[in-house]
Amino acid sequence: MTGKRDNHGLLGKKITRRGALKGVGAAAGLALAPGFVRYAQAQSSAPIKIGFQAHRTGIGAAYGRWYEKTTNAAIKAINDAGGINGRPVEVITEDDGTDPARGAEVVGKFATQHKVDVVYGTLFSHVVIGSAPVAGEMKMPYFVVSEGHHVASTKLNRYVFQPGITDVKSQVIAMAPWIAANAGKKVTQIFPDFAFGYDHRDYLPPALKAQGADVIAQIAIPPTESSFTRYFPQIPAETDVIYHVMVGPAVLTFVKELGEFYGSTHPNLFGFMDSLEAVDIASPGLEFLEGSHFWEGSPRYLQDDASEGQKFYRDQVGIDANGANTKDPKDISTASHMFGCWETLYVIKQAMEAAGYKGPEDRKKLVEATEALTAFPEGKEHPQGDKTFNGKLHQAYGHQNISKVEGGKLKVVHRTKIEDGLYEPEGDYTTQAL
């Protein structure tokens, strides 16, 4: 059966003006109803492709697993809200093995084989440094979730950004006054023997010196080390504070052996949470940590004054009040770092929308739009807290948390201000050609 098409529908029913308006209104109501995702409004319904450079294997695997879990949760939240510029977002994941050479290969593969719009996700600083030149050569925006000063130093290139997490130089400058005033004046540093550790080695001593404290010894340990006892006799007897930051699969061994070496009497301990990321603080052998302090990017344990944004983020990612997987209390998160994945993805979204991003031909516009960002307010998109962004340095600046071990848990006892971690710029990426 066919019907006339001028004033009739397909089944021959006459369409009145009132009926047509009702139909339009019903369609509009459906489009605005909760859960209705309007991808069709975009000029292209093709997905925006993000290449996720993941540490699935190697010394960064514990972080990589939680970075991937956080990434998937953020992408789901973004897509549920309509995607980016009306288009769905697709994540393509490649394992870099936490290896610089392999990382560079992965960035190249993303550009030439997967043809992604941007590359994102890297944590370990030696992998970032090894991968960044390829991103620059391919003119591929590269958004890292690391902590090293490598981006803000302006020694990389204009296509590399770190907008969702602070850098080590900012962190230690912000915390040095508290360490000098509350932990002690004679500090021994223990740090990993690669780029991330070198930032601690280079930037902590002058920051403490400005506060009347001194680093009296520095001990570098390979991140692949499996036993640490032989390093501890190098700690001078007059040490007031052991400042420790360790990474890799043997972090629990490191902390346990430190406790075994000293017993019940030891210098004050100030650690970066890296030394215990993905490790249960209530593990046997860690009782000696009671009363010691740690730096945390985002608190592992849900604090009494946690914001609604923090609660929303934790719920979406699936971590409980103790910072463990809601499905497995023994699966401890890397909460101090992985929030940066969530926040960086929302920065990418914000910059793409500001640039009117349509495809790879707009990558230069995306770089400039990201450089034009100045601040991120605390909320569901930025649950760790508000931040400022320096477009010339491609680096975000935010708050740091100092937490105390109490009853086998961590309680935030001091939170720095953004201005506490600011420093003089060392260059300007915007002067580089795109």
Protein backbone atom coordinates (compact mmCIF):
# COMPACT_ATOMS: atom_id res chain seq x y z
CA MET A 1 0.00 0.00 0.00
CA THR A 2 1.27 3.48 -0.78
CA GLY A 3 -0.02 6.86 0.31
CA LYS A 4 0.27 10.35 -1.08
CA ARG A 5 3.34 12.20 0.15
CA ASP A 6 2.24 15.82 -0.10
CA ASN A 7 -0.22 15.97 2.81
CA HIS A 8 -0.27 12.35 3.93
CA GLY A 9 1.96 9.97 5.82
CA LEU A 10 3.19 6.64 4.47
CA LEU A 11 -0.05 4.95 5.47
CA GLY A 12 -2.28 7.61 3.98
CA LYS A 13 -3.03 9.41 7.29
CA LYS A 14 -3.40 13.15 6.89
CA ILE A 15 -0.80 15.20 8.78
CA THR A 16 -2.21 18.36 10.32
CA ARG A 17 -0.13 21.36 11.40
CA ARG A 18 -0.97 20.62 15.03
CA GLY A 19 0.03 17.00 14.60
CA ALA A 20 3.31 17.97 12.99
CA LEU A 21 4.14 20.31 15.87
CA LYS A 22 3.30 17.56 18.34
CA GLY A 23 5.69 15.24 16.55
CA VAL A 24 8.47 17.81 16.63
CA GLY A 25 7.86 18.40 20.32
CA ALA A 26 7.93 14.68 21.09
CA ALA A 27 11.19 14.26 19.22
CA ALA A 28 12.74 17.19 21.07
CA GLY A 29 11.58 15.74 24.37
CA LEU A 30 13.19 12.41 23.52
CA ALA A 31 16.43 14.10 22.56
CA LEU A 32 16.59 15.87 25.89
CA ALA A 33 15.51 12.89 27.97
CA PRO A 34 18.07 11.42 30.41
CA GLY A 35 20.27 8.84 28.77
CA PHE A 36 19.62 10.02 25.20
CA VAL A 37 23.03 10.65 23.59
CA ARG A 38 22.87 12.99 20.60
CA TYR A 39 25.87 11.92 18.55
CA ALA A 40 23.91 12.63 15.34
CA GLN A 41 24.16 16.39 15.86
CA ALA A 42 27.89 16.35 15.04
CA GLN A 43 29.07 16.88 11.45
CA SER A 44 30.64 13.43 11.73
CA SER A 45 29.46 10.51 13.84
CA ALA A 46 32.86 8.84 13.53
CA PRO A 47 34.48 8.39 16.94
CA ILE A 48 37.27 10.55 18.26
CA LYS A 49 40.12 8.12 18.77
CA ILE A 50 42.46 8.42 21.73
CA GLY A 51 45.60 6.29 21.76
CA PHE A 52 46.23 5.12 25.33
CA GLN A 53 49.92 4.36 25.93
CA ALA A 54 49.59 1.93 28.83
CA HIS A 55 52.10 0.34 31.19
CA ARG A 56 50.46 -3.09 31.02
CA THR A 57 53.78 -4.82 31.65
CA GLY A 58 57.15 -3.84 33.10
CA ILE A 59 57.88 -2.02 36.35
CA GLY A 60 54.89 0.28 35.89
CA ALA A 61 52.29 -2.49 35.55
CA ALA A 62 50.56 -1.82 38.89
CA TYR A 63 50.03 1.79 37.90
CA GLY A 64 49.11 0.85 34.34
CA ARG A 65 46.27 -1.41 35.44
CA TRP A 66 44.66 1.34 37.51
CA TYR A 67 45.37 3.96 34.87
CA GLU A 68 43.43 1.76 32.45
CA LYS A 69 40.58 1.26 34.90
CA THR A 70 40.33 5.01 35.52
CA THR A 71 40.55 5.76 31.79
CA ASN A 72 37.70 3.40 30.99
CA ALA A 73 35.53 4.96 33.70
CA ALA A 74 36.21 8.49 32.47
CA ILE A 75 35.51 7.61 28.84
CA LYS A 76 32.22 5.99 29.85
CA ALA A 77 31.22 9.12 31.77
CA ILE A 78 32.18 11.35 28.82
CA ASN A 79 30.30 9.19 26.32
CA ASP A 80 27.24 8.92 28.55
CA ALA A 81 27.12 12.73 28.53
CA GLY A 82 27.32 13.00 24.73
CA GLY A 83 30.99 12.45 23.95
CA ILE A 84 33.19 15.25 22.59
CA ASN A 85 31.74 17.71 20.09
CA GLY A 86 28.76 15.38 19.73
CA ARG A 87 30.95 12.41 18.79
CA PRO A 88 31.64 9.22 20.75
CA VAL A 89 35.15 8.66 22.10
CA GLU A 90 37.03 5.43 21.44
CA VAL A 91 40.17 4.38 23.29
CA ILE A 92 42.78 2.24 21.53
CA THR A 93 45.30 0.74 23.96
CA GLU A 94 48.87 -0.35 23.32
CA ASP A 95 51.30 -1.69 25.94
CA ASP A 96 54.62 0.15 26.08
CA GLY A 97 56.17 -2.30 28.54
CA THR A 98 57.23 0.70 30.68
CA ASP A 99 60.13 0.93 28.23
CA PRO A 100 61.31 4.14 26.48
CA ALA A 101 62.18 2.52 23.13
CA ARG A 102 58.94 0.59 23.02
CA GLY A 103 57.08 3.72 24.07
CA ALA A 104 58.43 5.58 21.06
CA GLU A 105 57.33 2.71 18.81
CA VAL A 106 53.84 2.81 20.31
CA VAL A 107 53.46 6.54 19.63
CA GLY A 108 54.51 5.95 16.03
CA LYS A 109 52.04 3.07 15.71
CA PHE A 110 49.23 5.23 17.04
CA ALA A 111 50.00 7.89 14.43
CA THR A 112 50.56 5.74 11.35
CA GLN A 113 48.55 2.57 11.94
CA HIS A 114 45.69 3.45 14.27
CA LYS A 115 45.52 7.07 13.05
CA VAL A 116 44.34 8.35 16.43
CA ASP A 117 43.50 11.98 17.13
CA VAL A 118 45.74 12.27 20.23
CA VAL A 119 47.99 10.06 22.35
CA TYR A 120 47.54 10.00 26.10
CA GLY A 121 48.31 8.27 29.37
CA THR A 122 52.01 7.75 30.02
CA LEU A 123 53.28 7.76 33.63
CA PHE A 124 56.94 6.75 33.97
CA SER A 125 59.11 9.72 33.10
CA HIS A 126 61.80 7.83 31.16
CA VAL A 127 59.05 6.53 28.86
CA VAL A 128 57.69 10.07 28.38
CA ILE A 129 61.16 11.39 27.55
CA GLY A 130 61.77 8.53 25.13
CA SER A 131 58.39 8.93 23.41
CA ALA A 132 58.12 12.72 23.21
CA PRO A 133 60.43 13.20 20.17
CA VAL A 134 58.22 10.93 18.05
CA ALA A 135 55.12 12.87 19.12
CA GLY A 136 56.83 16.07 18.00
CA GLU A 137 57.98 14.61 14.69
CA MET A 138 54.50 13.24 13.97
CA LYS A 139 52.88 16.48 15.15
CA MET A 140 50.76 14.34 17.44
CA PRO A 141 49.32 15.96 20.60
CA TYR A 142 50.70 13.89 23.48
CA PHE A 143 48.96 14.28 26.86
CA VAL A 144 50.96 12.61 29.64
CA VAL A 145 49.90 11.73 33.18
CA SER A 146 53.38 11.67 34.66
CA GLU A 147 54.92 13.72 37.47
CA GLY A 148 58.39 14.52 36.29
CA HIS A 149 59.56 18.04 35.58
CA HIS A 150 60.38 17.00 32.01
CA VAL A 151 57.34 18.76 30.51
CA ALA A 152 57.49 21.99 32.53
CA SER A 153 61.25 22.22 31.97
CA THR A 154 60.33 23.02 28.31
CA LYS A 155 63.00 20.53 27.20
CA LEU A 156 60.52 18.40 25.24
CA ASN A 157 58.40 19.88 22.44
CA ARG A 158 55.24 21.85 21.79
CA TYR A 159 53.07 18.78 21.27
CA VAL A 160 53.59 17.41 24.81
CA PHE A 161 51.25 18.45 27.67
CA GLN A 162 50.85 17.57 31.35
CA PRO A 163 47.57 19.28 32.30
CA GLY A 164 46.03 16.87 34.81
CA ILE A 165 48.73 16.27 37.44
CA THR A 166 51.44 18.38 39.08
CA ASP A 167 55.19 17.93 38.64
CA VAL A 168 57.82 16.91 41.18
CA LYS A 169 59.49 20.32 41.30
CA SER A 170 56.19 21.94 42.27
CA GLN A 171 55.43 19.19 44.77
CA VAL A 172 58.71 19.41 46.68
CA ILE A 173 58.73 23.22 46.73
CA ALA A 174 55.22 23.20 48.20
CA MET A 175 56.03 20.62 50.87
CA ALA A 176 59.55 21.66 51.91
CA PRO A 177 58.34 24.21 54.51
CA TRP A 178 56.25 21.55 56.26
CA ILE A 179 59.07 18.98 56.19
CA ALA A 180 61.60 21.43 57.64
CA ALA A 181 59.22 22.66 60.32
CA ASN A 182 57.74 19.32 61.40
CA ALA A 183 60.00 16.42 60.43
CA GLY A 184 63.59 17.59 60.87
CA LYS A 185 66.52 19.56 59.50
CA LYS A 186 68.96 16.82 58.45
CA VAL A 187 67.51 14.84 55.58
CA THR A 188 68.67 11.71 53.79
CA GLN A 189 67.03 11.05 50.42
CA ILE A 190 66.36 7.61 48.97
CA PHE A 191 65.11 7.77 45.40
CA PRO A 192 64.87 5.68 42.20
CA ASP A 193 67.83 5.87 39.85
CA PHE A 194 66.09 7.30 36.77
CA ALA A 195 64.55 10.58 35.57
CA PHE A 196 61.69 10.76 38.08
CA GLY A 197 64.09 10.16 40.95
CA TYR A 198 66.54 12.72 39.60
CA ASP A 199 63.86 15.41 39.91
CA HIS A 200 63.66 14.63 43.64
CA ARG A 201 67.47 14.59 43.84
CA ASP A 202 67.79 17.97 42.10
CA TYR A 203 64.86 20.00 43.44
CA LEU A 204 64.47 18.92 47.08
CA PRO A 205 67.87 20.17 48.38
CA PRO A 206 67.43 23.84 47.33
CA ALA A 207 63.79 23.80 48.47
CA LEU A 208 64.83 22.57 51.93
CA LYS A 209 67.85 24.89 52.04
CA ALA A 210 65.49 27.83 51.67
CA GLN A 211 63.71 26.58 54.80
CA GLY A 212 66.87 26.15 56.90
CA ALA A 213 67.19 22.37 56.39
CA ASP A 214 69.85 20.32 54.57
CA VAL A 215 70.03 17.13 52.55
CA ILE A 216 73.04 15.39 54.06
CA ALA A 217 72.98 12.23 51.89
CA GLN A 218 71.40 11.02 48.65
CA ILE A 219 70.99 7.33 47.86
CA ALA A 220 69.93 6.28 44.36
CA ILE A 221 68.48 2.77 43.94
CA PRO A 222 67.67 1.08 40.60
CA PRO A 223 63.87 0.79 40.21
CA THR A 224 64.31 -2.87 39.23
CA GLU A 225 66.07 -3.71 42.53
CA SER A 226 64.50 -6.57 44.50
CA SER A 227 66.36 -6.22 47.80
CA PHE A 228 67.40 -3.03 49.57
CA THR A 229 69.11 -3.92 52.85
CA ARG A 230 72.60 -3.27 51.47
CA TYR A 231 71.73 0.38 50.80
CA PHE A 232 70.56 1.30 54.30
CA PRO A 233 74.00 1.42 56.01
CA GLN A 234 74.70 4.43 53.77
CA ILE A 235 72.19 6.48 55.81
CA PRO A 236 74.22 8.82 58.10
CA ALA A 237 73.67 8.33 61.83
CA GLU A 238 72.84 12.01 62.34
CA THR A 239 69.85 11.81 59.94
CA ASP A 240 66.67 13.39 61.35
CA VAL A 241 64.45 12.51 58.41
CA ILE A 242 64.50 9.76 55.79
CA TYR A 243 62.81 11.11 52.69
CA HIS A 244 61.94 8.07 50.61
CA VAL A 245 60.35 7.63 47.23
CA MET A 246 60.54 4.24 45.56
CA VAL A 247 58.75 2.73 42.56
CA GLY A 248 58.37 -0.66 40.93
CA PRO A 249 57.14 -4.12 41.91
CA ALA A 250 59.33 -4.38 45.03
CA VAL A 251 58.01 -1.33 46.91
CA LEU A 252 56.53 -3.48 49.70
CA THR A 253 59.89 -5.20 50.13
CA PHE A 254 61.63 -1.83 50.28
CA VAL A 255 59.42 -0.53 53.09
CA LYS A 256 59.49 -3.81 55.04
CA GLU A 257 63.29 -4.04 54.86
CA LEU A 258 63.61 -0.43 55.98
CA GLY A 259 61.58 -1.31 59.08
CA GLU A 260 63.61 -4.45 59.72
CA PHE A 261 66.85 -2.49 59.45
CA TYR A 262 65.86 0.10 62.06
CA GLY A 263 63.47 -1.78 64.32
CA SER A 264 61.39 0.34 66.69
CA THR A 265 63.84 3.27 66.78
CA HIS A 266 64.38 5.18 63.55
CA PRO A 267 64.58 8.70 62.15
CA ASN A 268 61.35 10.41 61.19
CA LEU A 269 59.99 9.11 57.91
CA PHE A 270 58.58 11.23 55.11
CA GLY A 271 57.66 9.23 52.05
CA PHE A 272 56.11 9.80 48.70
CA MET A 273 53.07 7.57 48.27
CA ASP A 274 54.90 6.00 45.34
CA SER A 275 56.69 3.88 47.96
CA LEU A 276 53.34 2.28 48.88
CA GLU A 277 51.14 2.68 45.81
CA ALA A 278 49.02 -0.45 45.26
CA VAL A 279 50.19 -1.75 48.68
CA ASP A 280 47.96 -2.22 51.74
CA ILE A 281 49.33 -0.08 54.58
CA ALA A 282 47.91 -2.64 57.01
CA SER A 283 50.22 -5.33 55.55
CA PRO A 284 52.21 -7.31 58.15
CA GLY A 285 55.63 -5.79 58.69
CA LEU A 286 54.55 -2.19 58.08
CA GLU A 287 53.54 -1.44 61.67
CA PHE A 288 56.63 0.77 62.07
CA LEU A 289 55.07 3.28 59.64
CA GLU A 290 52.55 4.32 62.29
CA GLY A 291 52.94 8.06 62.88
CA SER A 292 55.01 8.65 59.75
CA HIS A 293 53.96 10.94 56.90
CA PHE A 294 53.42 10.62 53.17
CA TRP A 295 52.84 12.89 50.24
CA GLU A 296 49.64 12.09 48.40
CA GLY A 297 48.38 13.59 45.16
CA SER A 298 44.80 12.51 45.79
CA PRO A 299 44.05 10.82 49.13
CA ARG A 300 43.78 7.03 49.07
CA TYR A 301 41.36 6.96 52.00
CA LEU A 302 38.10 8.85 51.69
CA GLN A 303 38.48 11.90 53.94
CA ASP A 304 35.70 13.28 56.14
CA ASP A 305 35.63 16.51 54.14
CA ALA A 306 35.74 14.87 50.70
CA SER A 307 34.02 16.90 47.99
CA GLU A 308 31.05 15.66 45.99
CA GLY A 309 33.32 15.57 42.95
CA GLN A 310 35.75 13.27 44.76
CA LYS A 311 32.93 10.96 45.85
CA PHE A 312 31.50 10.86 42.32
CA TYR A 313 34.88 10.07 40.78
CA ARG A 314 35.63 7.29 43.26
CA ASP A 315 32.21 5.77 42.69
CA GLN A 316 32.64 5.80 38.90
CA VAL A 317 36.13 4.28 39.01
CA GLY A 318 35.14 1.74 41.64
CA ILE A 319 37.27 2.37 44.71
CA ASP A 320 35.95 2.10 48.25
CA ALA A 321 36.56 4.29 51.31
CA ASN A 322 39.91 2.52 51.87
CA GLY A 323 41.07 3.12 48.30
CA ALA A 324 40.62 -0.51 47.31
CA ASN A 325 38.70 -2.05 44.43
CA THR A 326 35.02 -2.19 45.39
CA LYS A 327 35.00 -5.77 44.08
CA ASP A 328 38.16 -6.87 45.90
CA PRO A 329 39.36 -5.23 49.15
CA LYS A 330 42.84 -6.68 48.62
CA ASP A 331 43.23 -4.89 45.28
CA ILE A 332 44.69 -1.53 46.36
CA SER A 333 44.53 1.39 43.95
CA THR A 334 47.19 3.86 42.85
CA ALA A 335 44.91 6.67 44.03
CA SER A 336 47.68 9.22 44.43
CA HIS A 337 48.31 9.26 40.68
CA MET A 338 45.43 7.76 38.69
CA PHE A 339 43.08 10.72 39.21
CA GLY A 340 45.32 12.46 36.66
CA CYS A 341 43.93 10.17 33.94
CA TRP A 342 40.36 11.22 34.71
CA GLU A 343 41.26 14.90 34.81
CA THR A 344 43.46 14.83 31.71
CA LEU A 345 40.72 13.26 29.61
CA TYR A 346 38.38 16.06 30.65
CA VAL A 347 41.05 18.60 29.69
CA ILE A 348 41.29 16.98 26.26
CA LYS A 349 37.51 17.24 25.98
CA GLN A 350 37.53 20.90 27.01
CA ALA A 351 40.33 21.80 24.59
CA MET A 352 38.76 19.90 21.67
CA GLU A 353 35.46 21.68 22.23
CA ALA A 354 37.19 25.06 22.46
CA ALA A 355 39.05 24.31 19.22
CA GLY A 356 35.97 23.03 17.41
CA TYR A 357 38.07 19.94 16.73
CA LYS A 358 36.90 17.87 13.75
CA GLY A 359 39.89 15.70 12.91
CA PRO A 360 43.68 15.39 12.54
CA GLU A 361 43.76 18.50 10.36
CA ASP A 362 42.83 20.45 13.52
CA ARG A 363 45.69 19.19 15.70
CA LYS A 364 47.50 22.53 15.58
CA LYS A 365 44.28 24.26 16.64
CA LEU A 366 44.01 21.76 19.50
CA VAL A 367 47.54 22.57 20.68
CA GLU A 368 46.74 26.29 20.69
CA ALA A 369 43.39 25.76 22.41
CA THR A 370 45.09 23.73 25.15
CA GLU A 371 47.72 26.44 25.60
CA ALA A 372 44.92 28.99 26.01
CA LEU A 373 43.48 27.19 29.06
CA THR A 374 44.21 28.87 32.38
CA ALA A 375 42.29 27.19 35.21
CA PHE A 376 40.26 24.12 36.11
CA PRO A 377 37.67 24.41 38.91
CA GLU A 378 37.22 21.62 41.44
CA GLY A 379 34.27 19.38 40.61
CA LYS A 380 33.31 16.12 38.97
CA GLU A 381 35.72 16.75 36.10
CA HIS A 382 38.57 17.73 38.45
CA PRO A 383 37.97 15.78 41.68
CA GLN A 384 41.49 16.18 43.10
CA GLY A 385 40.95 19.93 43.42
CA ASP A 386 41.15 23.17 41.51
CA LYS A 387 44.21 23.85 39.38
CA THR A 388 45.83 26.56 37.36
CA PHE A 389 47.42 25.84 33.99
CA ASN A 390 50.45 27.54 32.49
CA GLY A 391 50.05 27.33 28.71
CA LYS A 392 53.63 28.41 28.11
CA LEU A 393 54.96 25.51 30.21
CA HIS A 394 52.18 23.01 29.32
CA GLN A 395 51.96 22.21 33.04
CA ALA A 396 49.18 22.20 35.67
CA TYR A 397 49.68 23.43 39.25
CA GLY A 398 47.51 22.26 42.12
CA HIS A 399 47.32 21.24 45.75
CA GLN A 400 49.50 18.67 47.55
CA ASN A 401 48.40 16.55 50.52
CA ILE A 402 50.55 15.51 53.46
CA SER A 403 49.00 12.54 55.25
CA LYS A 404 49.80 10.82 58.53
CA VAL A 405 49.57 7.08 59.16
CA GLU A 406 47.06 6.67 61.98
CA GLY A 407 45.64 3.29 62.90
CA GLY A 408 46.94 1.76 59.70
CA LYS A 409 45.21 4.36 57.54
CA LEU A 410 46.14 7.72 56.06
CA LYS A 411 44.66 10.97 57.29
CA VAL A 412 45.38 14.26 55.53
CA VAL A 413 46.95 16.67 58.04
CA HIS A 414 48.10 19.42 55.68
CA ARG A 415 47.03 20.59 52.23
CA THR A 416 49.19 23.09 50.38
CA LYS A 417 47.96 26.06 48.39
CA ILE A 418 48.47 26.28 44.65
CA GLU A 419 50.79 29.25 45.01
CA ASP A 420 53.04 27.22 47.36
CA GLY A 421 54.23 25.18 44.39
CA LEU A 422 54.83 27.86 41.79
CA TYR A 423 58.32 28.56 40.43
CA GLU A 424 60.00 30.74 37.82
CA PRO A 425 59.38 29.49 34.25
CA GLU A 426 62.36 27.99 32.43
CA GLY A 427 61.11 28.55 28.89
CA ASP A 428 58.06 28.99 26.66
CA TYR A 429 56.71 26.28 24.35
CA THR A 430 54.49 28.77 22.52
CA THR A 431 57.58 30.28 20.85
CA GLN A 432 58.19 26.96 19.04
CA ALA A 433 56.78 26.48 15.55
CA LEU A 434 53.83 24.13 15.14
